[in-house]
Each structure stands twice: as C-alpha cells, then as structure tokens.
Amino acid sequence: CGVPVVDTLWLIHRAEWPLSARAAFVVGHLRKRMLSHGMVSRRGRGN
C-alpha cells in the first residue's frame, strides 16, 4: 500500500513498581535495536 503506516508503541508501567530484571533487560534490548534503526522517539520522559 505504498507509504507504511507508522504507530507509536508505548511502554507503560506503574511508576511505583520497578520493572523486573527480565523486563528491564528486554526494554534495554528493544531500545538498542530501535536506536540502531533510528526508530526511538525522544519526546519527554516517556518510552
């Protein structure tokens, strides 16, 4: 269909509950992969 549709995916979790080590690892891995592809938004404090 030509130009791809782009969506923003948000990682949302309760601020008072820290991410588990497993979840933090996955988030770090995703962030590195998306940064290498120029796909991470730097808006505000969000993910």
All heavy atoms as atom14 arrays in JSON, in Angstrom:
{
  "sequence": "CGVPVVDTLWLIHRAEWPLSARAAFVVGHLRKRMLSHGMVSRRGRGN",
  "atom14_mask": [
    [1, 1, 1, 1, 1, 1, 0, 0, 0, 0, 0, 0, 0, 0],
    [1, 1, 1, 1, 0, 0, 0, 0, 0, 0, 0, 0, 0, 0],
    [1, 1, 1, 1, 1, 1, 1, 0, 0, 0, 0, 0, 0, 0],
    [1, 1, 1, 1, 1, 1, 1, 0, 0, 0, 0, 0, 0, 0],
    [1, 1, 1, 1, 1, 1, 1, 0, 0, 0, 0, 0, 0, 0],
    [1, 1, 1, 1, 1, 1, 1, 0, 0, 0, 0, 0, 0, 0],
    [1, 1, 1, 1, 1, 1, 1, 1, 0, 0, 0, 0, 0, 0],
    [1, 1, 1, 1, 1, 1, 1, 0, 0, 0, 0, 0, 0, 0],
    [1, 1, 1, 1, 1, 1, 1, 1, 0, 0, 0, 0, 0, 0],
    [1, 1, 1, 1, 1, 1, 1, 1, 1, 1, 1, 1, 1, 1],
    [1, 1, 1, 1, 1, 1, 1, 1, 0, 0, 0, 0, 0, 0],
    [1, 1, 1, 1, 1, 1, 1, 1, 0, 0, 0, 0, 0, 0],
    [1, 1, 1, 1, 1, 1, 1, 1, 1, 1, 0, 0, 0, 0],
    [1, 1, 1, 1, 1, 1, 1, 1, 1, 1, 1, 0, 0, 0],
    [1, 1, 1, 1, 1, 0, 0, 0, 0, 0, 0, 0, 0, 0],
    [1, 1, 1, 1, 1, 1, 1, 1, 1, 0, 0, 0, 0, 0],
    [1, 1, 1, 1, 1, 1, 1, 1, 1, 1, 1, 1, 1, 1],
    [1, 1, 1, 1, 1, 1, 1, 0, 0, 0, 0, 0, 0, 0],
    [1, 1, 1, 1, 1, 1, 1, 1, 0, 0, 0, 0, 0, 0],
    [1, 1, 1, 1, 1, 1, 0, 0, 0, 0, 0, 0, 0, 0],
    [1, 1, 1, 1, 1, 0, 0, 0, 0, 0, 0, 0, 0, 0],
    [1, 1, 1, 1, 1, 1, 1, 1, 1, 1, 1, 0, 0, 0],
    [1, 1, 1, 1, 1, 0, 0, 0, 0, 0, 0, 0, 0, 0],
    [1, 1, 1, 1, 1, 0, 0, 0, 0, 0, 0, 0, 0, 0],
    [1, 1, 1, 1, 1, 1, 1, 1, 1, 1, 1, 0, 0, 0],
    [1, 1, 1, 1, 1, 1, 1, 0, 0, 0, 0, 0, 0, 0],
    [1, 1, 1, 1, 1, 1, 1, 0, 0, 0, 0, 0, 0, 0],
    [1, 1, 1, 1, 0, 0, 0, 0, 0, 0, 0, 0, 0, 0],
    [1, 1, 1, 1, 1, 1, 1, 1, 1, 1, 0, 0, 0, 0],
    [1, 1, 1, 1, 1, 1, 1, 1, 0, 0, 0, 0, 0, 0],
    [1, 1, 1, 1, 1, 1, 1, 1, 1, 1, 1, 0, 0, 0],
    [1, 1, 1, 1, 1, 1, 1, 1, 1, 0, 0, 0, 0, 0],
    [1, 1, 1, 1, 1, 1, 1, 1, 1, 1, 1, 0, 0, 0],
    [1, 1, 1, 1, 1, 1, 1, 1, 0, 0, 0, 0, 0, 0],
    [1, 1, 1, 1, 1, 1, 1, 1, 0, 0, 0, 0, 0, 0],
    [1, 1, 1, 1, 1, 1, 0, 0, 0, 0, 0, 0, 0, 0],
    [1, 1, 1, 1, 1, 1, 1, 1, 1, 1, 0, 0, 0, 0],
    [1, 1, 1, 1, 0, 0, 0, 0, 0, 0, 0, 0, 0, 0],
    [1, 1, 1, 1, 1, 1, 1, 1, 0, 0, 0, 0, 0, 0],
    [1, 1, 1, 1, 1, 1, 1, 0, 0, 0, 0, 0, 0, 0],
    [1, 1, 1, 1, 1, 1, 0, 0, 0, 0, 0, 0, 0, 0],
    [1, 1, 1, 1, 1, 1, 1, 1, 1, 1, 1, 0, 0, 0],
    [1, 1, 1, 1, 1, 1, 1, 1, 1, 1, 1, 0, 0, 0],
    [1, 1, 1, 1, 0, 0, 0, 0, 0, 0, 0, 0, 0, 0],
    [1, 1, 1, 1, 1, 1, 1, 1, 1, 1, 1, 0, 0, 0],
    [1, 1, 1, 1, 0, 0, 0, 0, 0, 0, 0, 0, 0, 0],
    [1, 1, 1, 1, 1, 1, 1, 1, 0, 0, 0, 0, 0, 0]
  ],
  "atom14_positions": [
    [[0.81, -1.22, 0.0], [0.0, 0.0, 0.0], [0.84, 1.27, 0.0], [0.39, 2.31, 0.46], [-0.93, 0.0, 1.21], [-2.18, -1.29, 1.1], [0.0, 0.0, 0.0], [0.0, 0.0, 0.0], [0.0, 0.0, 0.0], [0.0, 0.0, 0.0], [0.0, 0.0, 0.0], [0.0, 0.0, 0.0], [0.0, 0.0, 0.0], [0.0, 0.0, 0.0]],
    [[2.05, 1.2, -0.49], [2.86, 2.4, -0.58], [3.51, 2.78, 0.74], [4.1, 1.95, 1.41], [0.0, 0.0, 0.0], [0.0, 0.0, 0.0], [0.0, 0.0, 0.0], [0.0, 0.0, 0.0], [0.0, 0.0, 0.0], [0.0, 0.0, 0.0], [0.0, 0.0, 0.0], [0.0, 0.0, 0.0], [0.0, 0.0, 0.0], [0.0, 0.0, 0.0]],
    [[3.33, 4.03, 1.13], [3.96, 4.55, 2.35], [3.46, 3.75, 3.56], [2.25, 3.6, 3.75], [3.62, 6.05, 2.53], [4.23, 6.59, 3.81], [4.09, 6.84, 1.32], [0.0, 0.0, 0.0], [0.0, 0.0, 0.0], [0.0, 0.0, 0.0], [0.0, 0.0, 0.0], [0.0, 0.0, 0.0], [0.0, 0.0, 0.0], [0.0, 0.0, 0.0]],
    [[4.37, 3.22, 4.38], [3.92, 2.43, 5.53], [3.2, 3.26, 6.57], [3.45, 4.45, 6.72], [5.22, 1.86, 6.11], [6.32, 2.67, 5.55], [5.82, 3.31, 4.3], [0.0, 0.0, 0.0], [0.0, 0.0, 0.0], [0.0, 0.0, 0.0], [0.0, 0.0, 0.0], [0.0, 0.0, 0.0], [0.0, 0.0, 0.0], [0.0, 0.0, 0.0]],
    [[2.27, 2.61, 7.26], [1.59, 3.24, 8.38], [2.52, 3.11, 9.58], [3.08, 2.05, 9.83], [0.25, 2.54, 8.67], [-0.36, 3.05, 9.96], [-0.71, 2.74, 7.52], [0.0, 0.0, 0.0], [0.0, 0.0, 0.0], [0.0, 0.0, 0.0], [0.0, 0.0, 0.0], [0.0, 0.0, 0.0], [0.0, 0.0, 0.0], [0.0, 0.0, 0.0]],
    [[2.69, 4.19, 10.32], [3.59, 4.19, 11.47], [2.79, 4.43, 12.74], [1.98, 5.34, 12.79], [4.68, 5.28, 11.31], [5.57, 5.34, 12.53], [5.51, 5.02, 10.06], [0.0, 0.0, 0.0], [0.0, 0.0, 0.0], [0.0, 0.0, 0.0], [0.0, 0.0, 0.0], [0.0, 0.0, 0.0], [0.0, 0.0, 0.0], [0.0, 0.0, 0.0]],
    [[3.0, 3.58, 13.72], [2.36, 3.72, 15.02], [3.43, 3.93, 16.08], [4.56, 3.46, 15.94], [1.57, 2.47, 15.39], [0.23, 2.4, 14.72], [-0.3, 3.47, 14.35], [-0.3, 1.29, 14.57], [0.0, 0.0, 0.0], [0.0, 0.0, 0.0], [0.0, 0.0, 0.0], [0.0, 0.0, 0.0], [0.0, 0.0, 0.0], [0.0, 0.0, 0.0]],
    [[3.06, 4.58, 17.14], [3.94, 4.72, 18.29], [3.55, 3.67, 19.32], [2.39, 3.56, 19.69], [3.84, 6.13, 18.9], [4.24, 7.07, 17.91], [4.73, 6.27, 20.12], [0.0, 0.0, 0.0], [0.0, 0.0, 0.0], [0.0, 0.0, 0.0], [0.0, 0.0, 0.0], [0.0, 0.0, 0.0], [0.0, 0.0, 0.0], [0.0, 0.0, 0.0]],
    [[4.52, 2.89, 19.74], [4.31, 1.89, 20.77], [4.82, 2.46, 22.08], [5.93, 2.98, 22.15], [5.07, 0.6, 20.44], [4.8, -0.02, 19.08], [5.7, -1.23, 18.87], [3.34, -0.41, 18.97], [0.0, 0.0, 0.0], [0.0, 0.0, 0.0], [0.0, 0.0, 0.0], [0.0, 0.0, 0.0], [0.0, 0.0, 0.0], [0.0, 0.0, 0.0]],
    [[4.03, 2.38, 23.13], [4.41, 2.95, 24.41], [4.65, 1.84, 25.42], [3.85, 0.92, 25.54], [3.3, 3.86, 24.93], [3.14, 5.08, 24.1], [2.27, 5.27, 23.06], [3.89, 6.28, 24.19], [2.43, 6.5, 22.52], [3.42, 7.16, 23.2], [4.93, 6.7, 25.02], [3.94, 8.42, 23.02], [5.44, 7.96, 24.85], [4.95, 8.81, 23.86]],
    [[5.74, 1.95, 26.14], [6.0, 1.08, 27.27], [5.47, 1.81, 28.5], [5.96, 2.88, 28.85], [7.49, 0.81, 27.44], [7.87, 0.13, 28.75], [7.27, -1.27, 28.8], [9.37, 0.1, 28.91], [0.0, 0.0, 0.0], [0.0, 0.0, 0.0], [0.0, 0.0, 0.0], [0.0, 0.0, 0.0], [0.0, 0.0, 0.0], [0.0, 0.0, 0.0]],
    [[4.46, 1.25, 29.11], [3.83, 1.9, 30.25], [3.85, 0.93, 31.43], [3.48, -0.24, 31.29], [2.37, 2.3, 29.92], [2.36, 3.26, 28.74], [1.69, 2.89, 31.14], [0.97, 3.55, 28.21], [0.0, 0.0, 0.0], [0.0, 0.0, 0.0], [0.0, 0.0, 0.0], [0.0, 0.0, 0.0], [0.0, 0.0, 0.0], [0.0, 0.0, 0.0]],
    [[4.29, 1.42, 32.56], [4.24, 0.63, 33.78], [4.05, 1.57, 34.95], [4.3, 2.77, 34.86], [5.49, -0.24, 33.95], [6.75, 0.55, 34.13], [7.24, 0.89, 35.36], [7.61, 1.06, 33.22], [8.35, 1.59, 35.21], [8.59, 1.71, 33.92], [0.0, 0.0, 0.0], [0.0, 0.0, 0.0], [0.0, 0.0, 0.0], [0.0, 0.0, 0.0]],
    [[3.59, 1.03, 36.07], [3.35, 1.86, 37.25], [4.68, 2.39, 37.78], [5.62, 1.63, 37.98], [2.62, 1.06, 38.31], [1.19, 0.74, 37.86], [0.46, 0.02, 38.93], [0.31, 0.86, 40.1], [-0.69, 0.79, 40.94], [-1.67, -0.08, 40.7], [-0.75, 1.55, 41.99], [0.0, 0.0, 0.0], [0.0, 0.0, 0.0], [0.0, 0.0, 0.0]],
    [[4.74, 3.68, 38.03], [5.97, 4.32, 38.48], [6.45, 3.77, 39.82], [7.65, 3.67, 40.05], [5.77, 5.84, 38.58], [0.0, 0.0, 0.0], [0.0, 0.0, 0.0], [0.0, 0.0, 0.0], [0.0, 0.0, 0.0], [0.0, 0.0, 0.0], [0.0, 0.0, 0.0], [0.0, 0.0, 0.0], [0.0, 0.0, 0.0], [0.0, 0.0, 0.0]],
    [[5.51, 3.38, 40.68], [5.92, 2.89, 41.99], [6.33, 1.42, 41.98], [6.79, 0.9, 42.98], [4.83, 3.13, 43.04], [3.55, 2.36, 42.81], [2.54, 3.09, 41.94], [2.88, 4.08, 41.27], [1.38, 2.65, 41.93], [0.0, 0.0, 0.0], [0.0, 0.0, 0.0], [0.0, 0.0, 0.0], [0.0, 0.0, 0.0], [0.0, 0.0, 0.0]],
    [[6.15, 0.74, 40.85], [6.57, -0.65, 40.74], [7.74, -0.73, 39.77], [7.56, -0.58, 38.55], [5.45, -1.52, 40.21], [4.26, -1.65, 41.11], [4.12, -1.19, 42.39], [3.03, -2.28, 40.79], [2.9, -1.49, 42.89], [2.19, -2.17, 41.93], [2.54, -2.93, 39.68], [0.92, -2.69, 41.96], [1.27, -3.45, 39.71], [0.47, -3.33, 40.84]],
    [[8.92, -0.98, 40.24], [10.06, -1.06, 39.32], [9.92, -2.26, 38.38], [9.28, -3.26, 38.72], [11.27, -1.23, 40.25], [10.71, -1.76, 41.52], [9.29, -1.27, 41.61], [0.0, 0.0, 0.0], [0.0, 0.0, 0.0], [0.0, 0.0, 0.0], [0.0, 0.0, 0.0], [0.0, 0.0, 0.0], [0.0, 0.0, 0.0], [0.0, 0.0, 0.0]],
    [[10.51, -2.14, 37.21], [10.49, -3.25, 36.27], [11.32, -4.4, 36.83], [12.34, -4.18, 37.49], [11.09, -2.83, 34.92], [10.27, -1.89, 34.06], [11.07, -1.47, 32.84], [8.97, -2.54, 33.64], [0.0, 0.0, 0.0], [0.0, 0.0, 0.0], [0.0, 0.0, 0.0], [0.0, 0.0, 0.0], [0.0, 0.0, 0.0], [0.0, 0.0, 0.0]],
    [[10.91, -5.61, 36.53], [11.7, -6.78, 36.92], [13.0, -6.76, 36.11], [13.1, -6.08, 35.08], [10.93, -8.07, 36.64], [10.77, -8.23, 35.23], [0.0, 0.0, 0.0], [0.0, 0.0, 0.0], [0.0, 0.0, 0.0], [0.0, 0.0, 0.0], [0.0, 0.0, 0.0], [0.0, 0.0, 0.0], [0.0, 0.0, 0.0], [0.0, 0.0, 0.0]],
    [[13.98, -7.52, 36.55], [15.25, -7.59, 35.82], [15.03, -8.08, 34.4], [15.64, -7.58, 33.44], [16.23, -8.49, 36.57], [0.0, 0.0, 0.0], [0.0, 0.0, 0.0], [0.0, 0.0, 0.0], [0.0, 0.0, 0.0], [0.0, 0.0, 0.0], [0.0, 0.0, 0.0], [0.0, 0.0, 0.0], [0.0, 0.0, 0.0], [0.0, 0.0, 0.0]],
    [[14.13, -9.04, 34.23], [13.84, -9.59, 32.9], [13.24, -8.52, 31.99], [13.64, -8.35, 30.85], [12.89, -10.77, 33.02], [12.55, -11.4, 31.69], [11.59, -12.54, 31.86], [12.21, -13.59, 32.65], [11.55, -14.64, 33.13], [10.27, -14.78, 32.89], [12.17, -15.56, 33.82], [0.0, 0.0, 0.0], [0.0, 0.0, 0.0], [0.0, 0.0, 0.0]],
    [[12.25, -7.79, 32.53], [11.6, -6.73, 31.74], [12.58, -5.62, 31.42], [12.6, -5.1, 30.3], [10.39, -6.18, 32.48], [0.0, 0.0, 0.0], [0.0, 0.0, 0.0], [0.0, 0.0, 0.0], [0.0, 0.0, 0.0], [0.0, 0.0, 0.0], [0.0, 0.0, 0.0], [0.0, 0.0, 0.0], [0.0, 0.0, 0.0], [0.0, 0.0, 0.0]],
    [[13.43, -5.23, 32.38], [14.42, -4.18, 32.14], [15.4, -4.62, 31.05], [15.81, -3.81, 30.21], [15.17, -3.85, 33.43], [0.0, 0.0, 0.0], [0.0, 0.0, 0.0], [0.0, 0.0, 0.0], [0.0, 0.0, 0.0], [0.0, 0.0, 0.0], [0.0, 0.0, 0.0], [0.0, 0.0, 0.0], [0.0, 0.0, 0.0], [0.0, 0.0, 0.0]],
    [[15.78, -5.91, 31.04], [16.67, -6.42, 30.0], [16.01, -6.31, 28.62], [16.63, -5.86, 27.66], [17.04, -7.88, 30.28], [17.82, -8.52, 29.19], [19.19, -8.3, 29.09], [17.2, -9.31, 28.24], [19.92, -8.86, 28.05], [17.92, -9.89, 27.2], [19.29, -9.66, 27.11], [0.0, 0.0, 0.0], [0.0, 0.0, 0.0], [0.0, 0.0, 0.0]],
    [[14.75, -6.71, 28.54], [14.02, -6.66, 27.26], [13.89, -5.21, 26.78], [14.11, -4.92, 25.6], [12.63, -7.34, 27.38], [11.78, -7.07, 26.16], [12.8, -8.83, 27.62], [0.0, 0.0, 0.0], [0.0, 0.0, 0.0], [0.0, 0.0, 0.0], [0.0, 0.0, 0.0], [0.0, 0.0, 0.0], [0.0, 0.0, 0.0], [0.0, 0.0, 0.0]],
    [[13.55, -4.3, 27.68], [13.41, -2.89, 27.31], [14.75, -2.35, 26.8], [14.8, -1.66, 25.78], [12.89, -2.04, 28.5], [13.0, -0.56, 28.2], [11.46, -2.42, 28.81], [0.0, 0.0, 0.0], [0.0, 0.0, 0.0], [0.0, 0.0, 0.0], [0.0, 0.0, 0.0], [0.0, 0.0, 0.0], [0.0, 0.0, 0.0], [0.0, 0.0, 0.0]],
    [[15.83, -2.68, 27.49], [17.16, -2.25, 27.04], [17.5, -2.79, 25.66], [18.03, -2.08, 24.81], [0.0, 0.0, 0.0], [0.0, 0.0, 0.0], [0.0, 0.0, 0.0], [0.0, 0.0, 0.0], [0.0, 0.0, 0.0], [0.0, 0.0, 0.0], [0.0, 0.0, 0.0], [0.0, 0.0, 0.0], [0.0, 0.0, 0.0], [0.0, 0.0, 0.0]],
    [[17.19, -4.06, 25.45], [17.45, -4.69, 24.15], [16.63, -4.01, 23.04], [17.16, -3.68, 21.97], [17.13, -6.18, 24.21], [17.28, -6.88, 22.91], [18.51, -7.2, 22.38], [16.35, -7.32, 22.02], [18.34, -7.8, 21.22], [17.04, -7.89, 20.98], [0.0, 0.0, 0.0], [0.0, 0.0, 0.0], [0.0, 0.0, 0.0], [0.0, 0.0, 0.0]],
    [[15.34, -3.79, 23.3], [14.49, -3.12, 22.31], [14.99, -1.72, 22.02], [15.04, -1.28, 20.86], [13.04, -3.07, 22.8], [12.28, -4.39, 22.8], [10.94, -4.21, 23.49], [12.11, -4.92, 21.4], [0.0, 0.0, 0.0], [0.0, 0.0, 0.0], [0.0, 0.0, 0.0], [0.0, 0.0, 0.0], [0.0, 0.0, 0.0], [0.0, 0.0, 0.0]],
    [[15.36, -1.0, 23.06], [15.85, 0.37, 22.88], [17.1, 0.4, 22.0], [17.21, 1.19, 21.07], [16.13, 1.02, 24.23], [16.5, 2.48, 24.1], [16.66, 3.16, 25.45], [15.45, 3.12, 26.25], [14.39, 3.89, 26.06], [14.36, 4.74, 25.06], [13.35, 3.8, 26.85], [0.0, 0.0, 0.0], [0.0, 0.0, 0.0], [0.0, 0.0, 0.0]],
    [[18.04, -0.53, 22.25], [19.27, -0.59, 21.43], [18.95, -0.89, 19.98], [19.48, -0.26, 19.07], [20.22, -1.65, 21.97], [21.01, -1.21, 23.17], [22.03, -2.28, 23.54], [21.91, -2.56, 25.01], [22.7, -3.68, 25.45], [0.0, 0.0, 0.0], [0.0, 0.0, 0.0], [0.0, 0.0, 0.0], [0.0, 0.0, 0.0], [0.0, 0.0, 0.0]],
    [[18.08, -1.88, 19.76], [17.72, -2.24, 18.38], [17.02, -1.1, 17.66], [17.29, -0.81, 16.5], [16.79, -3.46, 18.37], [17.57, -4.7, 18.7], [17.27, -5.89, 17.94], [16.86, -5.75, 16.58], [16.43, -6.76, 15.87], [16.35, -7.95, 16.4], [16.07, -6.61, 14.62], [0.0, 0.0, 0.0], [0.0, 0.0, 0.0], [0.0, 0.0, 0.0]],
    [[16.11, -0.43, 18.36], [15.37, 0.65, 17.72], [16.25, 1.87, 17.52], [16.11, 2.57, 16.52], [14.11, 0.94, 18.52], [13.17, -0.28, 18.5], [11.63, -0.01, 19.28], [10.71, 0.6, 17.89], [0.0, 0.0, 0.0], [0.0, 0.0, 0.0], [0.0, 0.0, 0.0], [0.0, 0.0, 0.0], [0.0, 0.0, 0.0], [0.0, 0.0, 0.0]],
    [[17.16, 2.14, 18.44], [18.11, 3.23, 18.25], [18.98, 2.97, 17.02], [19.25, 3.88, 16.24], [18.99, 3.41, 19.48], [18.45, 4.28, 20.59], [19.32, 4.18, 21.83], [18.33, 5.72, 20.14], [0.0, 0.0, 0.0], [0.0, 0.0, 0.0], [0.0, 0.0, 0.0], [0.0, 0.0, 0.0], [0.0, 0.0, 0.0], [0.0, 0.0, 0.0]],
    [[19.42, 1.73, 16.85], [20.28, 1.4, 15.7], [19.53, 1.56, 14.38], [20.13, 1.74, 13.34], [20.82, -0.02, 15.83], [19.81, -0.98, 15.62], [0.0, 0.0, 0.0], [0.0, 0.0, 0.0], [0.0, 0.0, 0.0], [0.0, 0.0, 0.0], [0.0, 0.0, 0.0], [0.0, 0.0, 0.0], [0.0, 0.0, 0.0], [0.0, 0.0, 0.0]],
    [[18.19, 1.51, 14.43], [17.37, 1.69, 13.22], [16.77, 3.09, 13.15], [15.96, 3.37, 12.29], [16.24, 0.67, 13.19], [16.69, -0.73, 12.91], [17.89, -1.24, 13.35], [16.1, -1.74, 12.24], [18.01, -2.49, 12.96], [16.94, -2.81, 12.29], [0.0, 0.0, 0.0], [0.0, 0.0, 0.0], [0.0, 0.0, 0.0], [0.0, 0.0, 0.0]],
    [[17.14, 3.96, 14.09], [16.62, 5.33, 14.11], [15.14, 5.39, 14.38], [14.43, 6.24, 13.85], [0.0, 0.0, 0.0], [0.0, 0.0, 0.0], [0.0, 0.0, 0.0], [0.0, 0.0, 0.0], [0.0, 0.0, 0.0], [0.0, 0.0, 0.0], [0.0, 0.0, 0.0], [0.0, 0.0, 0.0], [0.0, 0.0, 0.0], [0.0, 0.0, 0.0]],
    [[14.63, 4.52, 15.26], [13.19, 4.4, 15.46], [12.71, 4.81, 16.84], [11.57, 4.59, 17.18], [12.76, 2.95, 15.21], [13.06, 2.48, 13.81], [12.88, 0.71, 13.61], [11.13, 0.54, 13.69], [0.0, 0.0, 0.0], [0.0, 0.0, 0.0], [0.0, 0.0, 0.0], [0.0, 0.0, 0.0], [0.0, 0.0, 0.0], [0.0, 0.0, 0.0]],
    [[13.56, 5.4, 17.67], [13.14, 5.75, 19.02], [12.85, 7.23, 19.1], [13.66, 8.06, 18.71], [14.2, 5.35, 20.06], [13.83, 5.83, 21.44], [14.39, 3.85, 20.06], [0.0, 0.0, 0.0], [0.0, 0.0, 0.0], [0.0, 0.0, 0.0], [0.0, 0.0, 0.0], [0.0, 0.0, 0.0], [0.0, 0.0, 0.0], [0.0, 0.0, 0.0]],
    [[11.68, 7.56, 19.61], [11.3, 8.94, 19.82], [11.89, 9.42, 21.12], [11.94, 8.69, 22.1], [9.77, 9.05, 19.87], [9.38, 10.33, 20.26], [0.0, 0.0, 0.0], [0.0, 0.0, 0.0], [0.0, 0.0, 0.0], [0.0, 0.0, 0.0], [0.0, 0.0, 0.0], [0.0, 0.0, 0.0], [0.0, 0.0, 0.0], [0.0, 0.0, 0.0]],
    [[12.32, 10.65, 21.18], [12.92, 11.22, 22.38], [12.0, 12.21, 23.07], [12.44, 13.1, 23.75], [14.23, 11.93, 22.01], [15.28, 10.99, 21.51], [16.02, 10.43, 22.67], [17.14, 9.65, 22.22], [17.64, 8.67, 22.9], [17.11, 8.32, 24.04], [18.66, 8.01, 22.44], [0.0, 0.0, 0.0], [0.0, 0.0, 0.0], [0.0, 0.0, 0.0]],
    [[10.69, 12.08, 22.9], [9.74, 13.02, 23.49], [9.64, 12.82, 24.98], [9.36, 11.73, 25.44], [8.37, 12.86, 22.86], [8.32, 13.32, 21.43], [6.96, 13.08, 20.89], [6.86, 11.64, 20.62], [5.88, 11.08, 19.98], [4.88, 11.79, 19.55], [5.86, 9.79, 19.75], [0.0, 0.0, 0.0], [0.0, 0.0, 0.0], [0.0, 0.0, 0.0]],
    [[9.82, 13.88, 25.73], [9.58, 13.87, 27.18], [10.34, 12.76, 27.89], [11.4, 12.35, 27.47], [0.0, 0.0, 0.0], [0.0, 0.0, 0.0], [0.0, 0.0, 0.0], [0.0, 0.0, 0.0], [0.0, 0.0, 0.0], [0.0, 0.0, 0.0], [0.0, 0.0, 0.0], [0.0, 0.0, 0.0], [0.0, 0.0, 0.0], [0.0, 0.0, 0.0]],
    [[9.76, 12.28, 28.99], [10.36, 11.23, 29.77], [9.89, 9.85, 29.34], [10.35, 8.85, 29.85], [10.01, 11.41, 31.25], [10.56, 12.64, 31.86], [10.13, 12.79, 33.32], [10.01, 11.5, 33.96], [9.08, 11.2, 34.86], [8.18, 12.07, 35.21], [9.05, 10.01, 35.43], [0.0, 0.0, 0.0], [0.0, 0.0, 0.0], [0.0, 0.0, 0.0]],
    [[8.93, 9.81, 28.45], [8.3, 8.54, 28.09], [9.2, 7.6, 27.32], [10.31, 7.94, 26.91], [0.0, 0.0, 0.0], [0.0, 0.0, 0.0], [0.0, 0.0, 0.0], [0.0, 0.0, 0.0], [0.0, 0.0, 0.0], [0.0, 0.0, 0.0], [0.0, 0.0, 0.0], [0.0, 0.0, 0.0], [0.0, 0.0, 0.0], [0.0, 0.0, 0.0]],
    [[8.74, 6.4, 27.15], [9.43, 5.38, 26.38], [8.69, 5.15, 25.07], [8.24, 4.06, 24.78], [9.49, 4.07, 27.18], [10.38, 4.18, 28.37], [11.47, 4.69, 28.25], [9.91, 3.74, 29.52], [0.0, 0.0, 0.0], [0.0, 0.0, 0.0], [0.0, 0.0, 0.0], [0.0, 0.0, 0.0], [0.0, 0.0, 0.0], [0.0, 0.0, 0.0]]
  ]
}
